[in-house]
Amino acid sequence: MANAASMREEAEGLAVKALGFVAADPELLPRFLAITGIDVQSIRRAAAEPGFLAGVLQFILAHEPTLLRFAEETGTPPAAVGKALRALPLGDDEYERST
């Protein structure tokens, strides 16, 4: 179980890094806010909700140029983003069964 916990912790760290990447980009942030329906003032509160961090990674994964730029700027292998998504709540159906 410690392995699953450390995988989730790493996945959360990557998702937080992805959120910072999105928040720092003047083109990505408005698109992310529009898609999620969250306003800037609510991001911190929303970040505590189950599924929010998975949603950030889904946003990154949904647009290959964004994924590749995130990967390049952060030194993260693109495949690691999908792997992290699967380790988070609401990242896929398997999460529910493994907890």
PDB file of N, CA and C in Angstrom:
ATOM      1  N   MET A   1       0.807  -1.211   0.000  1.00  0.00           N
ATOM      2  CA  MET A   1       0.000   0.000   0.000  1.00  0.00           C
ATOM      3  C   MET A   1       0.846   1.269   0.000  1.00  0.00           C
ATOM      4  N   ALA A   2       2.026   1.196   0.613  1.00  0.00           N
ATOM      5  CA  ALA A   2       2.893   2.372   0.633  1.00  0.00           C
ATOM      6  C   ALA A   2       3.243   2.790  -0.781  1.00  0.00           C
ATOM      7  N   ASN A   3       3.384   1.821  -1.677  1.00  0.00           N
ATOM      8  CA  ASN A   3       3.689   2.139  -3.060  1.00  0.00           C
ATOM      9  C   ASN A   3       2.556   2.943  -3.702  1.00  0.00           C
ATOM     10  N   ALA A   4       1.315   2.521  -3.483  1.00  0.00           N
ATOM     11  CA  ALA A   4       0.167   3.254  -4.028  1.00  0.00           C
ATOM     12  C   ALA A   4       0.110   4.659  -3.452  1.00  0.00           C
ATOM     13  N   ALA A   5       0.402   4.786  -2.164  1.00  0.00           N
ATOM     14  CA  ALA A   5       0.393   6.111  -1.533  1.00  0.00           C
ATOM     15  C   ALA A   5       1.487   6.994  -2.108  1.00  0.00           C
ATOM     16  N   SER A   6       2.666   6.450  -2.335  1.00  0.00           N
ATOM     17  CA  SER A   6       3.743   7.274  -2.891  1.00  0.00           C
ATOM     18  C   SER A   6       3.465   7.613  -4.346  1.00  0.00           C
ATOM     19  N   MET A   7       2.840   6.690  -5.086  1.00  0.00           N
ATOM     20  CA  MET A   7       2.462   6.992  -6.476  1.00  0.00           C
ATOM     21  C   MET A   7       1.453   8.128  -6.512  1.00  0.00           C
ATOM     22  N   ARG A   8       0.483   8.086  -5.589  1.00  0.00           N
ATOM     23  CA  ARG A   8      -0.510   9.152  -5.559  1.00  0.00           C
ATOM     24  C   ARG A   8       0.142  10.475  -5.171  1.00  0.00           C
ATOM     25  N   GLU A   9       1.061  10.439  -4.209  1.00  0.00           N
ATOM     26  CA  GLU A   9       1.747  11.658  -3.790  1.00  0.00           C
ATOM     27  C   GLU A   9       2.544  12.256  -4.953  1.00  0.00           C
ATOM     28  N   GLU A  10       3.243  11.420  -5.701  1.00  0.00           N
ATOM     29  CA  GLU A  10       3.981  11.891  -6.873  1.00  0.00           C
ATOM     30  C   GLU A  10       3.026  12.449  -7.916  1.00  0.00           C
ATOM     31  N   ALA A  11       1.896  11.773  -8.125  1.00  0.00           N
ATOM     32  CA  ALA A  11       0.907  12.222  -9.099  1.00  0.00           C
ATOM     33  C   ALA A  11       0.337  13.579  -8.693  1.00  0.00           C
ATOM     34  N   GLU A  12       0.065  13.747  -7.410  1.00  0.00           N
ATOM     35  CA  GLU A  12      -0.436  15.031  -6.929  1.00  0.00           C
ATOM     36  C   GLU A  12       0.600  16.129  -7.151  1.00  0.00           C
ATOM     37  N   GLY A  13       1.865  15.813  -6.897  1.00  0.00           N
ATOM     38  CA  GLY A  13       2.930  16.789  -7.119  1.00  0.00           C
ATOM     39  C   GLY A  13       3.015  17.205  -8.579  1.00  0.00           C
ATOM     40  N   LEU A  14       2.900  16.240  -9.480  1.00  0.00           N
ATOM     41  CA  LEU A  14       2.932  16.549 -10.903  1.00  0.00           C
ATOM     42  C   LEU A  14       1.722  17.383 -11.301  1.00  0.00           C
ATOM     43  N   ALA A  15       0.556  17.060 -10.757  1.00  0.00           N
ATOM     44  CA  ALA A  15      -0.654  17.819 -11.073  1.00  0.00           C
ATOM     45  C   ALA A  15      -0.560  19.256 -10.563  1.00  0.00           C
ATOM     46  N   VAL A  16       0.025  19.448  -9.389  1.00  0.00           N
ATOM     47  CA  VAL A  16       0.218  20.799  -8.863  1.00  0.00           C
ATOM     48  C   VAL A  16       1.177  21.573  -9.771  1.00  0.00           C
ATOM     49  N   LYS A  17       2.220  20.889 -10.234  1.00  0.00           N
ATOM     50  CA  LYS A  17       3.162  21.511 -11.178  1.00  0.00           C
ATOM     51  C   LYS A  17       2.420  21.898 -12.466  1.00  0.00           C
ATOM     52  N   ALA A  18       1.530  21.018 -12.932  1.00  0.00           N
ATOM     53  CA  ALA A  18       0.741  21.291 -14.136  1.00  0.00           C
ATOM     54  C   ALA A  18      -0.196  22.471 -13.916  1.00  0.00           C
ATOM     55  N   LEU A  19      -0.778  22.557 -12.732  1.00  0.00           N
ATOM     56  CA  LEU A  19      -1.649  23.689 -12.424  1.00  0.00           C
ATOM     57  C   LEU A  19      -0.854  24.996 -12.462  1.00  0.00           C
ATOM     58  N   GLY A  20       0.342  24.992 -11.908  1.00  0.00           N
ATOM     59  CA  GLY A  20       1.192  26.174 -11.970  1.00  0.00           C
ATOM     60  C   GLY A  20       1.540  26.544 -13.399  1.00  0.00           C
ATOM     61  N   PHE A  21       1.795  25.539 -14.219  1.00  0.00           N
ATOM     62  CA  PHE A  21       2.084  25.753 -15.635  1.00  0.00           C
ATOM     63  C   PHE A  21       0.896  26.427 -16.325  1.00  0.00           C
ATOM     64  N   VAL A  22      -0.298  25.915 -16.079  1.00  0.00           N
ATOM     65  CA  VAL A  22      -1.512  26.479 -16.681  1.00  0.00           C
ATOM     66  C   VAL A  22      -1.750  27.898 -16.163  1.00  0.00           C
ATOM     67  N   ALA A  23      -1.627  28.081 -14.857  1.00  0.00           N
ATOM     68  CA  ALA A  23      -1.897  29.385 -14.240  1.00  0.00           C
ATOM     69  C   ALA A  23      -0.935  30.463 -14.732  1.00  0.00           C
ATOM     70  N   ALA A  24       0.276  30.084 -15.086  1.00  0.00           N
ATOM     71  CA  ALA A  24       1.276  31.053 -15.531  1.00  0.00           C
ATOM     72  C   ALA A  24       1.148  31.404 -17.007  1.00  0.00           C
ATOM     73  N   ASP A  25       0.300  30.707 -17.722  1.00  0.00           N
ATOM     74  CA  ASP A  25       0.177  30.926 -19.163  1.00  0.00           C
ATOM     75  C   ASP A  25      -1.056  31.776 -19.472  1.00  0.00           C
ATOM     76  N   PRO A  26      -0.865  32.972 -20.057  1.00  0.00           N
ATOM     77  CA  PRO A  26      -1.999  33.871 -20.295  1.00  0.00           C
ATOM     78  C   PRO A  26      -3.006  33.360 -21.330  1.00  0.00           C
ATOM     79  N   GLU A  27      -2.635  32.343 -22.110  1.00  0.00           N
ATOM     80  CA  GLU A  27      -3.594  31.760 -23.054  1.00  0.00           C
ATOM     81  C   GLU A  27      -4.270  30.522 -22.470  1.00  0.00           C
ATOM     82  N   LEU A  28      -3.504  29.718 -21.736  1.00  0.00           N
ATOM     83  CA  LEU A  28      -4.073  28.482 -21.185  1.00  0.00           C
ATOM     84  C   LEU A  28      -5.025  28.742 -20.027  1.00  0.00           C
ATOM     85  N   LEU A  29      -4.680  29.667 -19.145  1.00  0.00           N
ATOM     86  CA  LEU A  29      -5.505  29.876 -17.953  1.00  0.00           C
ATOM     87  C   LEU A  29      -6.951  30.220 -18.298  1.00  0.00           C
ATOM     88  N   PRO A  30      -7.210  31.195 -19.180  1.00  0.00           N
ATOM     89  CA  PRO A  30      -8.621  31.486 -19.492  1.00  0.00           C
ATOM     90  C   PRO A  30      -9.347  30.291 -20.112  1.00  0.00           C
ATOM     91  N   ARG A  31      -8.641  29.513 -20.923  1.00  0.00           N
ATOM     92  CA  ARG A  31      -9.264  28.326 -21.524  1.00  0.00           C
ATOM     93  C   ARG A  31      -9.590  27.301 -20.450  1.00  0.00           C
ATOM     94  N   PHE A  32      -8.659  27.077 -19.521  1.00  0.00           N
ATOM     95  CA  PHE A  32      -8.891  26.137 -18.423  1.00  0.00           C
ATOM     96  C   PHE A  32     -10.084  26.589 -17.580  1.00  0.00           C
ATOM     97  N   LEU A  33     -10.126  27.875 -17.242  1.00  0.00           N
ATOM     98  CA  LEU A  33     -11.228  28.390 -16.425  1.00  0.00           C
ATOM     99  C   LEU A  33     -12.561  28.251 -17.148  1.00  0.00           C
ATOM    100  N   ALA A  34     -12.564  28.514 -18.450  1.00  0.00           N
ATOM    101  CA  ALA A  34     -13.809  28.402 -19.227  1.00  0.00           C
ATOM    102  C   ALA A  34     -14.290  26.950 -19.290  1.00  0.00           C
ATOM    103  N   ILE A  35     -13.362  26.036 -19.496  1.00  0.00           N
ATOM    104  CA  ILE A  35     -13.736  24.619 -19.600  1.00  0.00           C
ATOM    105  C   ILE A  35     -14.238  24.079 -18.267  1.00  0.00           C
ATOM    106  N   THR A  36     -13.591  24.486 -17.177  1.00  0.00           N
ATOM    107  CA  THR A  36     -13.954  23.947 -15.863  1.00  0.00           C
ATOM    108  C   THR A  36     -15.104  24.704 -15.207  1.00  0.00           C
ATOM    109  N   GLY A  37     -15.331  25.939 -15.642  1.00  0.00           N
ATOM    110  CA  GLY A  37     -16.368  26.748 -15.023  1.00  0.00           C
ATOM    111  C   GLY A  37     -15.946  27.343 -13.689  1.00  0.00           C
ATOM    112  N   ILE A  38     -14.656  27.309 -13.420  1.00  0.00           N
ATOM    113  CA  ILE A  38     -14.114  27.846 -12.164  1.00  0.00           C
ATOM    114  C   ILE A  38     -13.632  29.265 -12.425  1.00  0.00           C
ATOM    115  N   ASP A  39     -13.819  30.142 -11.441  1.00  0.00           N
ATOM    116  CA  ASP A  39     -13.231  31.469 -11.590  1.00  0.00           C
ATOM    117  C   ASP A  39     -11.910  31.513 -10.828  1.00  0.00           C
ATOM    118  N   VAL A  40     -11.093  32.500 -11.168  1.00  0.00           N
ATOM    119  CA  VAL A  40      -9.740  32.579 -10.603  1.00  0.00           C
ATOM    120  C   VAL A  40      -9.760  32.550  -9.078  1.00  0.00           C
ATOM    121  N   GLN A  41     -10.707  33.231  -8.463  1.00  0.00           N
ATOM    122  CA  GLN A  41     -10.758  33.299  -7.005  1.00  0.00           C
ATOM    123  C   GLN A  41     -11.092  31.951  -6.364  1.00  0.00           C
ATOM    124  N   SER A  42     -11.645  31.035  -7.138  1.00  0.00           N
ATOM    125  CA  SER A  42     -12.083  29.741  -6.590  1.00  0.00           C
ATOM    126  C   SER A  42     -11.090  28.606  -6.812  1.00  0.00           C
ATOM    127  N   ILE A  43      -9.985  28.877  -7.476  1.00  0.00           N
ATOM    128  CA  ILE A  43      -9.054  27.793  -7.815  1.00  0.00           C
ATOM    129  C   ILE A  43      -8.536  27.086  -6.567  1.00  0.00           C
ATOM    130  N   ARG A  44      -8.123  27.823  -5.567  1.00  0.00           N
ATOM    131  CA  ARG A  44      -7.587  27.158  -4.363  1.00  0.00           C
ATOM    132  C   ARG A  44      -8.626  26.276  -3.696  1.00  0.00           C
ATOM    133  N   ARG A  45      -9.847  26.762  -3.598  1.00  0.00           N
ATOM    134  CA  ARG A  45     -10.909  25.963  -2.984  1.00  0.00           C
ATOM    135  C   ARG A  45     -11.192  24.729  -3.858  1.00  0.00           C
ATOM    136  N   ALA A  46     -11.256  24.936  -5.159  1.00  0.00           N
ATOM    137  CA  ALA A  46     -11.534  23.831  -6.082  1.00  0.00           C
ATOM    138  C   ALA A  46     -10.417  22.795  -6.059  1.00  0.00           C
ATOM    139  N   ALA A  47      -9.186  23.239  -5.852  1.00  0.00           N
ATOM    140  CA  ALA A  47      -8.049  22.320  -5.855  1.00  0.00           C
ATOM    141  C   ALA A  47      -8.158  21.270  -4.751  1.00  0.00           C
ATOM    142  N   ALA A  48      -8.916  21.550  -3.723  1.00  0.00           N
ATOM    143  CA  ALA A  48      -9.096  20.595  -2.626  1.00  0.00           C
ATOM    144  C   ALA A  48     -10.189  19.565  -2.930  1.00  0.00           C
ATOM    145  N   GLU A  49     -10.933  19.773  -4.003  1.00  0.00           N
ATOM    146  CA  GLU A  49     -12.032  18.863  -4.350  1.00  0.00           C
ATOM    147  C   GLU A  49     -11.497  17.603  -5.026  1.00  0.00           C
ATOM    148  N   PRO A  50     -12.113  16.453  -4.731  1.00  0.00           N
ATOM    149  CA  PRO A  50     -11.704  15.221  -5.416  1.00  0.00           C
ATOM    150  C   PRO A  50     -11.891  15.391  -6.927  1.00  0.00           C
ATOM    151  N   GLY A  51     -10.930  14.969  -7.659  1.00  0.00           N
ATOM    152  CA  GLY A  51     -11.033  15.035  -9.115  1.00  0.00           C
ATOM    153  C   GLY A  51     -10.446  16.283  -9.738  1.00  0.00           C
ATOM    154  N   PHE A  52     -10.220  17.343  -8.952  1.00  0.00           N
ATOM    155  CA  PHE A  52      -9.706  18.575  -9.545  1.00  0.00           C
ATOM    156  C   PHE A  52      -8.325  18.364 -10.157  1.00  0.00           C
ATOM    157  N   LEU A  53      -7.427  17.733  -9.407  1.00  0.00           N
ATOM    158  CA  LEU A  53      -6.071  17.542  -9.923  1.00  0.00           C
ATOM    159  C   LEU A  53      -6.080  16.621 -11.146  1.00  0.00           C
ATOM    160  N   ALA A  54      -6.949  15.626 -11.136  1.00  0.00           N
ATOM    161  CA  ALA A  54      -7.091  14.777 -12.327  1.00  0.00           C
ATOM    162  C   ALA A  54      -7.569  15.622 -13.505  1.00  0.00           C
ATOM    163  N   GLY A  55      -8.460  16.554 -13.247  1.00  0.00           N
ATOM    164  CA  GLY A  55      -8.948  17.436 -14.308  1.00  0.00           C
ATOM    165  C   GLY A  55      -7.854  18.305 -14.896  1.00  0.00           C
ATOM    166  N   VAL A  56      -6.930  18.748 -14.055  1.00  0.00           N
ATOM    167  CA  VAL A  56      -5.797  19.540 -14.546  1.00  0.00           C
ATOM    168  C   VAL A  56      -4.965  18.690 -15.511  1.00  0.00           C
ATOM    169  N   LEU A  57      -4.683  17.459 -15.128  1.00  0.00           N
ATOM    170  CA  LEU A  57      -3.893  16.592 -16.006  1.00  0.00           C
ATOM    171  C   LEU A  57      -4.667  16.239 -17.269  1.00  0.00           C
ATOM    172  N   GLN A  58      -5.968  16.047 -17.158  1.00  0.00           N
ATOM    173  CA  GLN A  58      -6.779  15.782 -18.351  1.00  0.00           C
ATOM    174  C   GLN A  58      -6.719  16.967 -19.307  1.00  0.00           C
ATOM    175  N   PHE A  59      -6.733  18.174 -18.754  1.00  0.00           N
ATOM    176  CA  PHE A  59      -6.628  19.383 -19.567  1.00  0.00           C
ATOM    177  C   PHE A  59      -5.297  19.397 -20.319  1.00  0.00           C
ATOM    178  N   ILE A  60      -4.210  19.074 -19.637  1.00  0.00           N
ATOM    179  CA  ILE A  60      -2.889  19.039 -20.269  1.00  0.00           C
ATOM    180  C   ILE A  60      -2.856  17.966 -21.364  1.00  0.00           C
ATOM    181  N   LEU A  61      -3.403  16.797 -21.058  1.00  0.00           N
ATOM    182  CA  LEU A  61      -3.375  15.680 -21.997  1.00  0.00           C
ATOM    183  C   LEU A  61      -4.279  15.888 -23.213  1.00  0.00           C
ATOM    184  N   ALA A  62      -5.289  16.718 -23.094  1.00  0.00           N
ATOM    185  CA  ALA A  62      -6.277  16.896 -24.155  1.00  0.00           C
ATOM    186  C   ALA A  62      -5.729  17.627 -25.377  1.00  0.00           C
ATOM    187  N   HIS A  63      -4.600  18.285 -25.231  1.00  0.00           N
ATOM    188  CA  HIS A  63      -4.048  19.090 -26.326  1.00  0.00           C
ATOM    189  C   HIS A  63      -2.564  18.766 -26.445  1.00  0.00           C
ATOM    190  N   GLU A  64      -2.214  18.001 -27.467  1.00  0.00           N
ATOM    191  CA  GLU A  64      -0.839  17.515 -27.576  1.00  0.00           C
ATOM    192  C   GLU A  64       0.214  18.623 -27.539  1.00  0.00           C
ATOM    193  N   PRO A  65       0.023  19.750 -28.236  1.00  0.00           N
ATOM    194  CA  PRO A  65       1.040  20.806 -28.139  1.00  0.00           C
ATOM    195  C   PRO A  65       1.224  21.315 -26.701  1.00  0.00           C
ATOM    196  N   THR A  66       0.143  21.380 -25.945  1.00  0.00           N
ATOM    197  CA  THR A  66       0.238  21.796 -24.545  1.00  0.00           C
ATOM    198  C   THR A  66       0.992  20.746 -23.745  1.00  0.00           C
ATOM    199  N   LEU A  67       0.675  19.483 -23.961  1.00  0.00           N
ATOM    200  CA  LEU A  67       1.365  18.389 -23.281  1.00  0.00           C
ATOM    201  C   LEU A  67       2.864  18.435 -23.567  1.00  0.00           C
ATOM    202  N   LEU A  68       3.213  18.602 -24.818  1.00  0.00           N
ATOM    203  CA  LEU A  68       4.627  18.599 -25.194  1.00  0.00           C
ATOM    204  C   LEU A  68       5.360  19.808 -24.627  1.00  0.00           C
ATOM    205  N   ARG A  69       4.702  20.950 -24.599  1.00  0.00           N
ATOM    206  CA  ARG A  69       5.334  22.141 -24.024  1.00  0.00           C
ATOM    207  C   ARG A  69       5.510  21.979 -22.516  1.00  0.00           C
ATOM    208  N   PHE A  70       4.479  21.449 -21.838  1.00  0.00           N
ATOM    209  CA  PHE A  70       4.586  21.174 -20.402  1.00  0.00           C
ATOM    210  C   PHE A  70       5.738  20.211 -20.139  1.00  0.00           C
ATOM    211  N   ALA A  71       5.800  19.146 -20.919  1.00  0.00           N
ATOM    212  CA  ALA A  71       6.851  18.139 -20.742  1.00  0.00           C
ATOM    213  C   ALA A  71       8.229  18.774 -20.923  1.00  0.00           C
ATOM    214  N   GLU A  72       8.376  19.586 -21.947  1.00  0.00           N
ATOM    215  CA  GLU A  72       9.670  20.208 -22.211  1.00  0.00           C
ATOM    216  C   GLU A  72      10.054  21.202 -21.110  1.00  0.00           C
ATOM    217  N   GLU A  73       9.119  22.041 -20.713  1.00  0.00           N
ATOM    218  CA  GLU A  73       9.419  23.081 -19.718  1.00  0.00           C
ATOM    219  C   GLU A  73       9.672  22.522 -18.326  1.00  0.00           C
ATOM    220  N   THR A  74       9.095  21.366 -18.027  1.00  0.00           N
ATOM    221  CA  THR A  74       9.241  20.811 -16.678  1.00  0.00           C
ATOM    222  C   THR A  74      10.162  19.600 -16.623  1.00  0.00           C
ATOM    223  N   GLY A  75      10.631  19.132 -17.784  1.00  0.00           N
ATOM    224  CA  GLY A  75      11.474  17.948 -17.812  1.00  0.00           C
ATOM    225  C   GLY A  75      10.714  16.677 -17.458  1.00  0.00           C
ATOM    226  N   THR A  76       9.421  16.679 -17.729  1.00  0.00           N
ATOM    227  CA  THR A  76       8.554  15.540 -17.421  1.00  0.00           C
ATOM    228  C   THR A  76       8.310  14.729 -18.687  1.00  0.00           C
ATOM    229  N   PRO A  77       8.564  13.432 -18.679  1.00  0.00           N
ATOM    230  CA  PRO A  77       8.215  12.633 -19.855  1.00  0.00           C
ATOM    231  C   PRO A  77       6.703  12.709 -20.095  1.00  0.00           C
ATOM    232  N   PRO A  78       6.269  12.925 -21.341  1.00  0.00           N
ATOM    233  CA  PRO A  78       4.828  13.019 -21.615  1.00  0.00           C
ATOM    234  C   PRO A  78       4.025  11.836 -21.074  1.00  0.00           C
ATOM    235  N   ALA A  79       4.568  10.630 -21.150  1.00  0.00           N
ATOM    236  CA  ALA A  79       3.846   9.445 -20.659  1.00  0.00           C
ATOM    237  C   ALA A  79       3.611   9.506 -19.158  1.00  0.00           C
ATOM    238  N   ALA A  80       4.458  10.233 -18.437  1.00  0.00           N
ATOM    239  CA  ALA A  80       4.301  10.343 -16.984  1.00  0.00           C
ATOM    240  C   ALA A  80       3.020  11.089 -16.615  1.00  0.00           C
ATOM    241  N   VAL A  81       2.547  11.948 -17.509  1.00  0.00           N
ATOM    242  CA  VAL A  81       1.321  12.710 -17.223  1.00  0.00           C
ATOM    243  C   VAL A  81       0.122  11.760 -17.200  1.00  0.00           C
ATOM    244  N   GLY A  82       0.034  10.886 -18.179  1.00  0.00           N
ATOM    245  CA  GLY A  82      -1.051   9.905 -18.207  1.00  0.00           C
ATOM    246  C   GLY A  82      -0.967   8.934 -17.039  1.00  0.00           C
ATOM    247  N   LYS A  83       0.230   8.527 -16.710  1.00  0.00           N
ATOM    248  CA  LYS A  83       0.430   7.623 -15.573  1.00  0.00           C
ATOM    249  C   LYS A  83      -0.012   8.302 -14.278  1.00  0.00           C
ATOM    250  N   ALA A  84       0.341   9.567 -14.117  1.00  0.00           N
ATOM    251  CA  ALA A  84      -0.063  10.316 -12.927  1.00  0.00           C
ATOM    252  C   ALA A  84      -1.576  10.447 -12.860  1.00  0.00           C
ATOM    253  N   LEU A  85      -2.196  10.705 -13.995  1.00  0.00           N
ATOM    254  CA  LEU A  85      -3.655  10.836 -14.036  1.00  0.00           C
ATOM    255  C   LEU A  85      -4.317   9.580 -13.482  1.00  0.00           C
ATOM    256  N   ARG A  86      -3.835   8.431 -13.872  1.00  0.00           N
ATOM    257  CA  ARG A  86      -4.444   7.168 -13.431  1.00  0.00           C
ATOM    258  C   ARG A  86      -4.252   6.906 -11.944  1.00  0.00           C
ATOM    259  N   ALA A  87      -3.311   7.602 -11.307  1.00  0.00           N
ATOM    260  CA  ALA A  87      -3.059   7.416  -9.876  1.00  0.00           C
ATOM    261  C   ALA A  87      -3.896   8.350  -9.007  1.00  0.00           C
ATOM    262  N   LEU A  88      -4.660   9.244  -9.634  1.00  0.00           N
ATOM    263  CA  LEU A  88      -5.435  10.241  -8.879  1.00  0.00           C
ATOM    264  C   LEU A  88      -6.909   9.877  -8.796  1.00  0.00           C
ATOM    265  N   PRO A  89      -7.600  10.372  -7.756  1.00  0.00           N
ATOM    266  CA  PRO A  89      -9.049  10.169  -7.676  1.00  0.00           C
ATOM    267  C   PRO A  89      -9.732  10.714  -8.924  1.00  0.00           C
ATOM    268  N   LEU A  90     -10.624   9.944  -9.475  1.00  0.00           N
ATOM    269  CA  LEU A  90     -11.395  10.281 -10.662  1.00  0.00           C
ATOM    270  C   LEU A  90     -10.535  10.368 -11.917  1.00  0.00           C
ATOM    271  N   GLY A  91      -9.297   9.862 -11.835  1.00  0.00           N
ATOM    272  CA  GLY A  91      -8.426   9.810 -13.006  1.00  0.00           C
ATOM    273  C   GLY A  91      -8.825   8.681 -13.942  1.00  0.00           C
ATOM    274  N   ASP A  92      -9.399   7.631 -13.389  1.00  0.00           N
ATOM    275  CA  ASP A  92     -10.029   6.562 -14.154  1.00  0.00           C
ATOM    276  C   ASP A  92     -10.815   5.661 -13.203  1.00  0.00           C
ATOM    277  N   ASP A  93     -11.507   4.726 -13.762  1.00  0.00           N
ATOM    278  CA  ASP A  93     -12.364   3.850 -12.949  1.00  0.00           C
ATOM    279  C   ASP A  93     -11.563   2.939 -12.033  1.00  0.00           C
ATOM    280  N   GLU A  94     -10.333   2.636 -12.371  1.00  0.00           N
ATOM    281  CA  GLU A  94      -9.528   1.717 -11.555  1.00  0.00           C
ATOM    282  C   GLU A  94      -9.223   2.282 -10.186  1.00  0.00           C
ATOM    283  N   TYR A  95      -9.126   3.593 -10.058  1.00  0.00           N
ATOM    284  CA  TYR A  95      -8.787   4.211  -8.775  1.00  0.00           C
ATOM    285  C   TYR A  95      -9.790   3.787  -7.708  1.00  0.00           C
ATOM    286  N   GLU A  96     -11.066   3.831  -8.050  1.00  0.00           N
ATOM    287  CA  GLU A  96     -12.129   3.497  -7.102  1.00  0.00           C
ATOM    288  C   GLU A  96     -11.947   2.075  -6.556  1.00  0.00           C
ATOM    289  N   ARG A  97     -11.566   1.146  -7.421  1.00  0.00           N
ATOM    290  CA  ARG A  97     -11.450  -0.248  -7.026  1.00  0.00           C
ATOM    291  C   ARG A  97     -10.179  -0.509  -6.223  1.00  0.00           C
ATOM    292  N   SER A  98      -9.158   0.345  -6.381  1.00  0.00           N
ATOM    293  CA  SER A  98      -7.882   0.061  -5.720  1.00  0.00           C
ATOM    294  C   SER A  98      -7.760   0.710  -4.361  1.00  0.00           C
ATOM    295  N   THR A  99      -8.730   1.510  -3.948  1.00  0.00           N
ATOM    296  CA  THR A  99      -8.620   2.171  -2.635  1.00  0.00           C
ATOM    297  C   THR A  99      -9.490   1.507  -1.604  1.00  0.00           C
TER     298      THR A  99
END
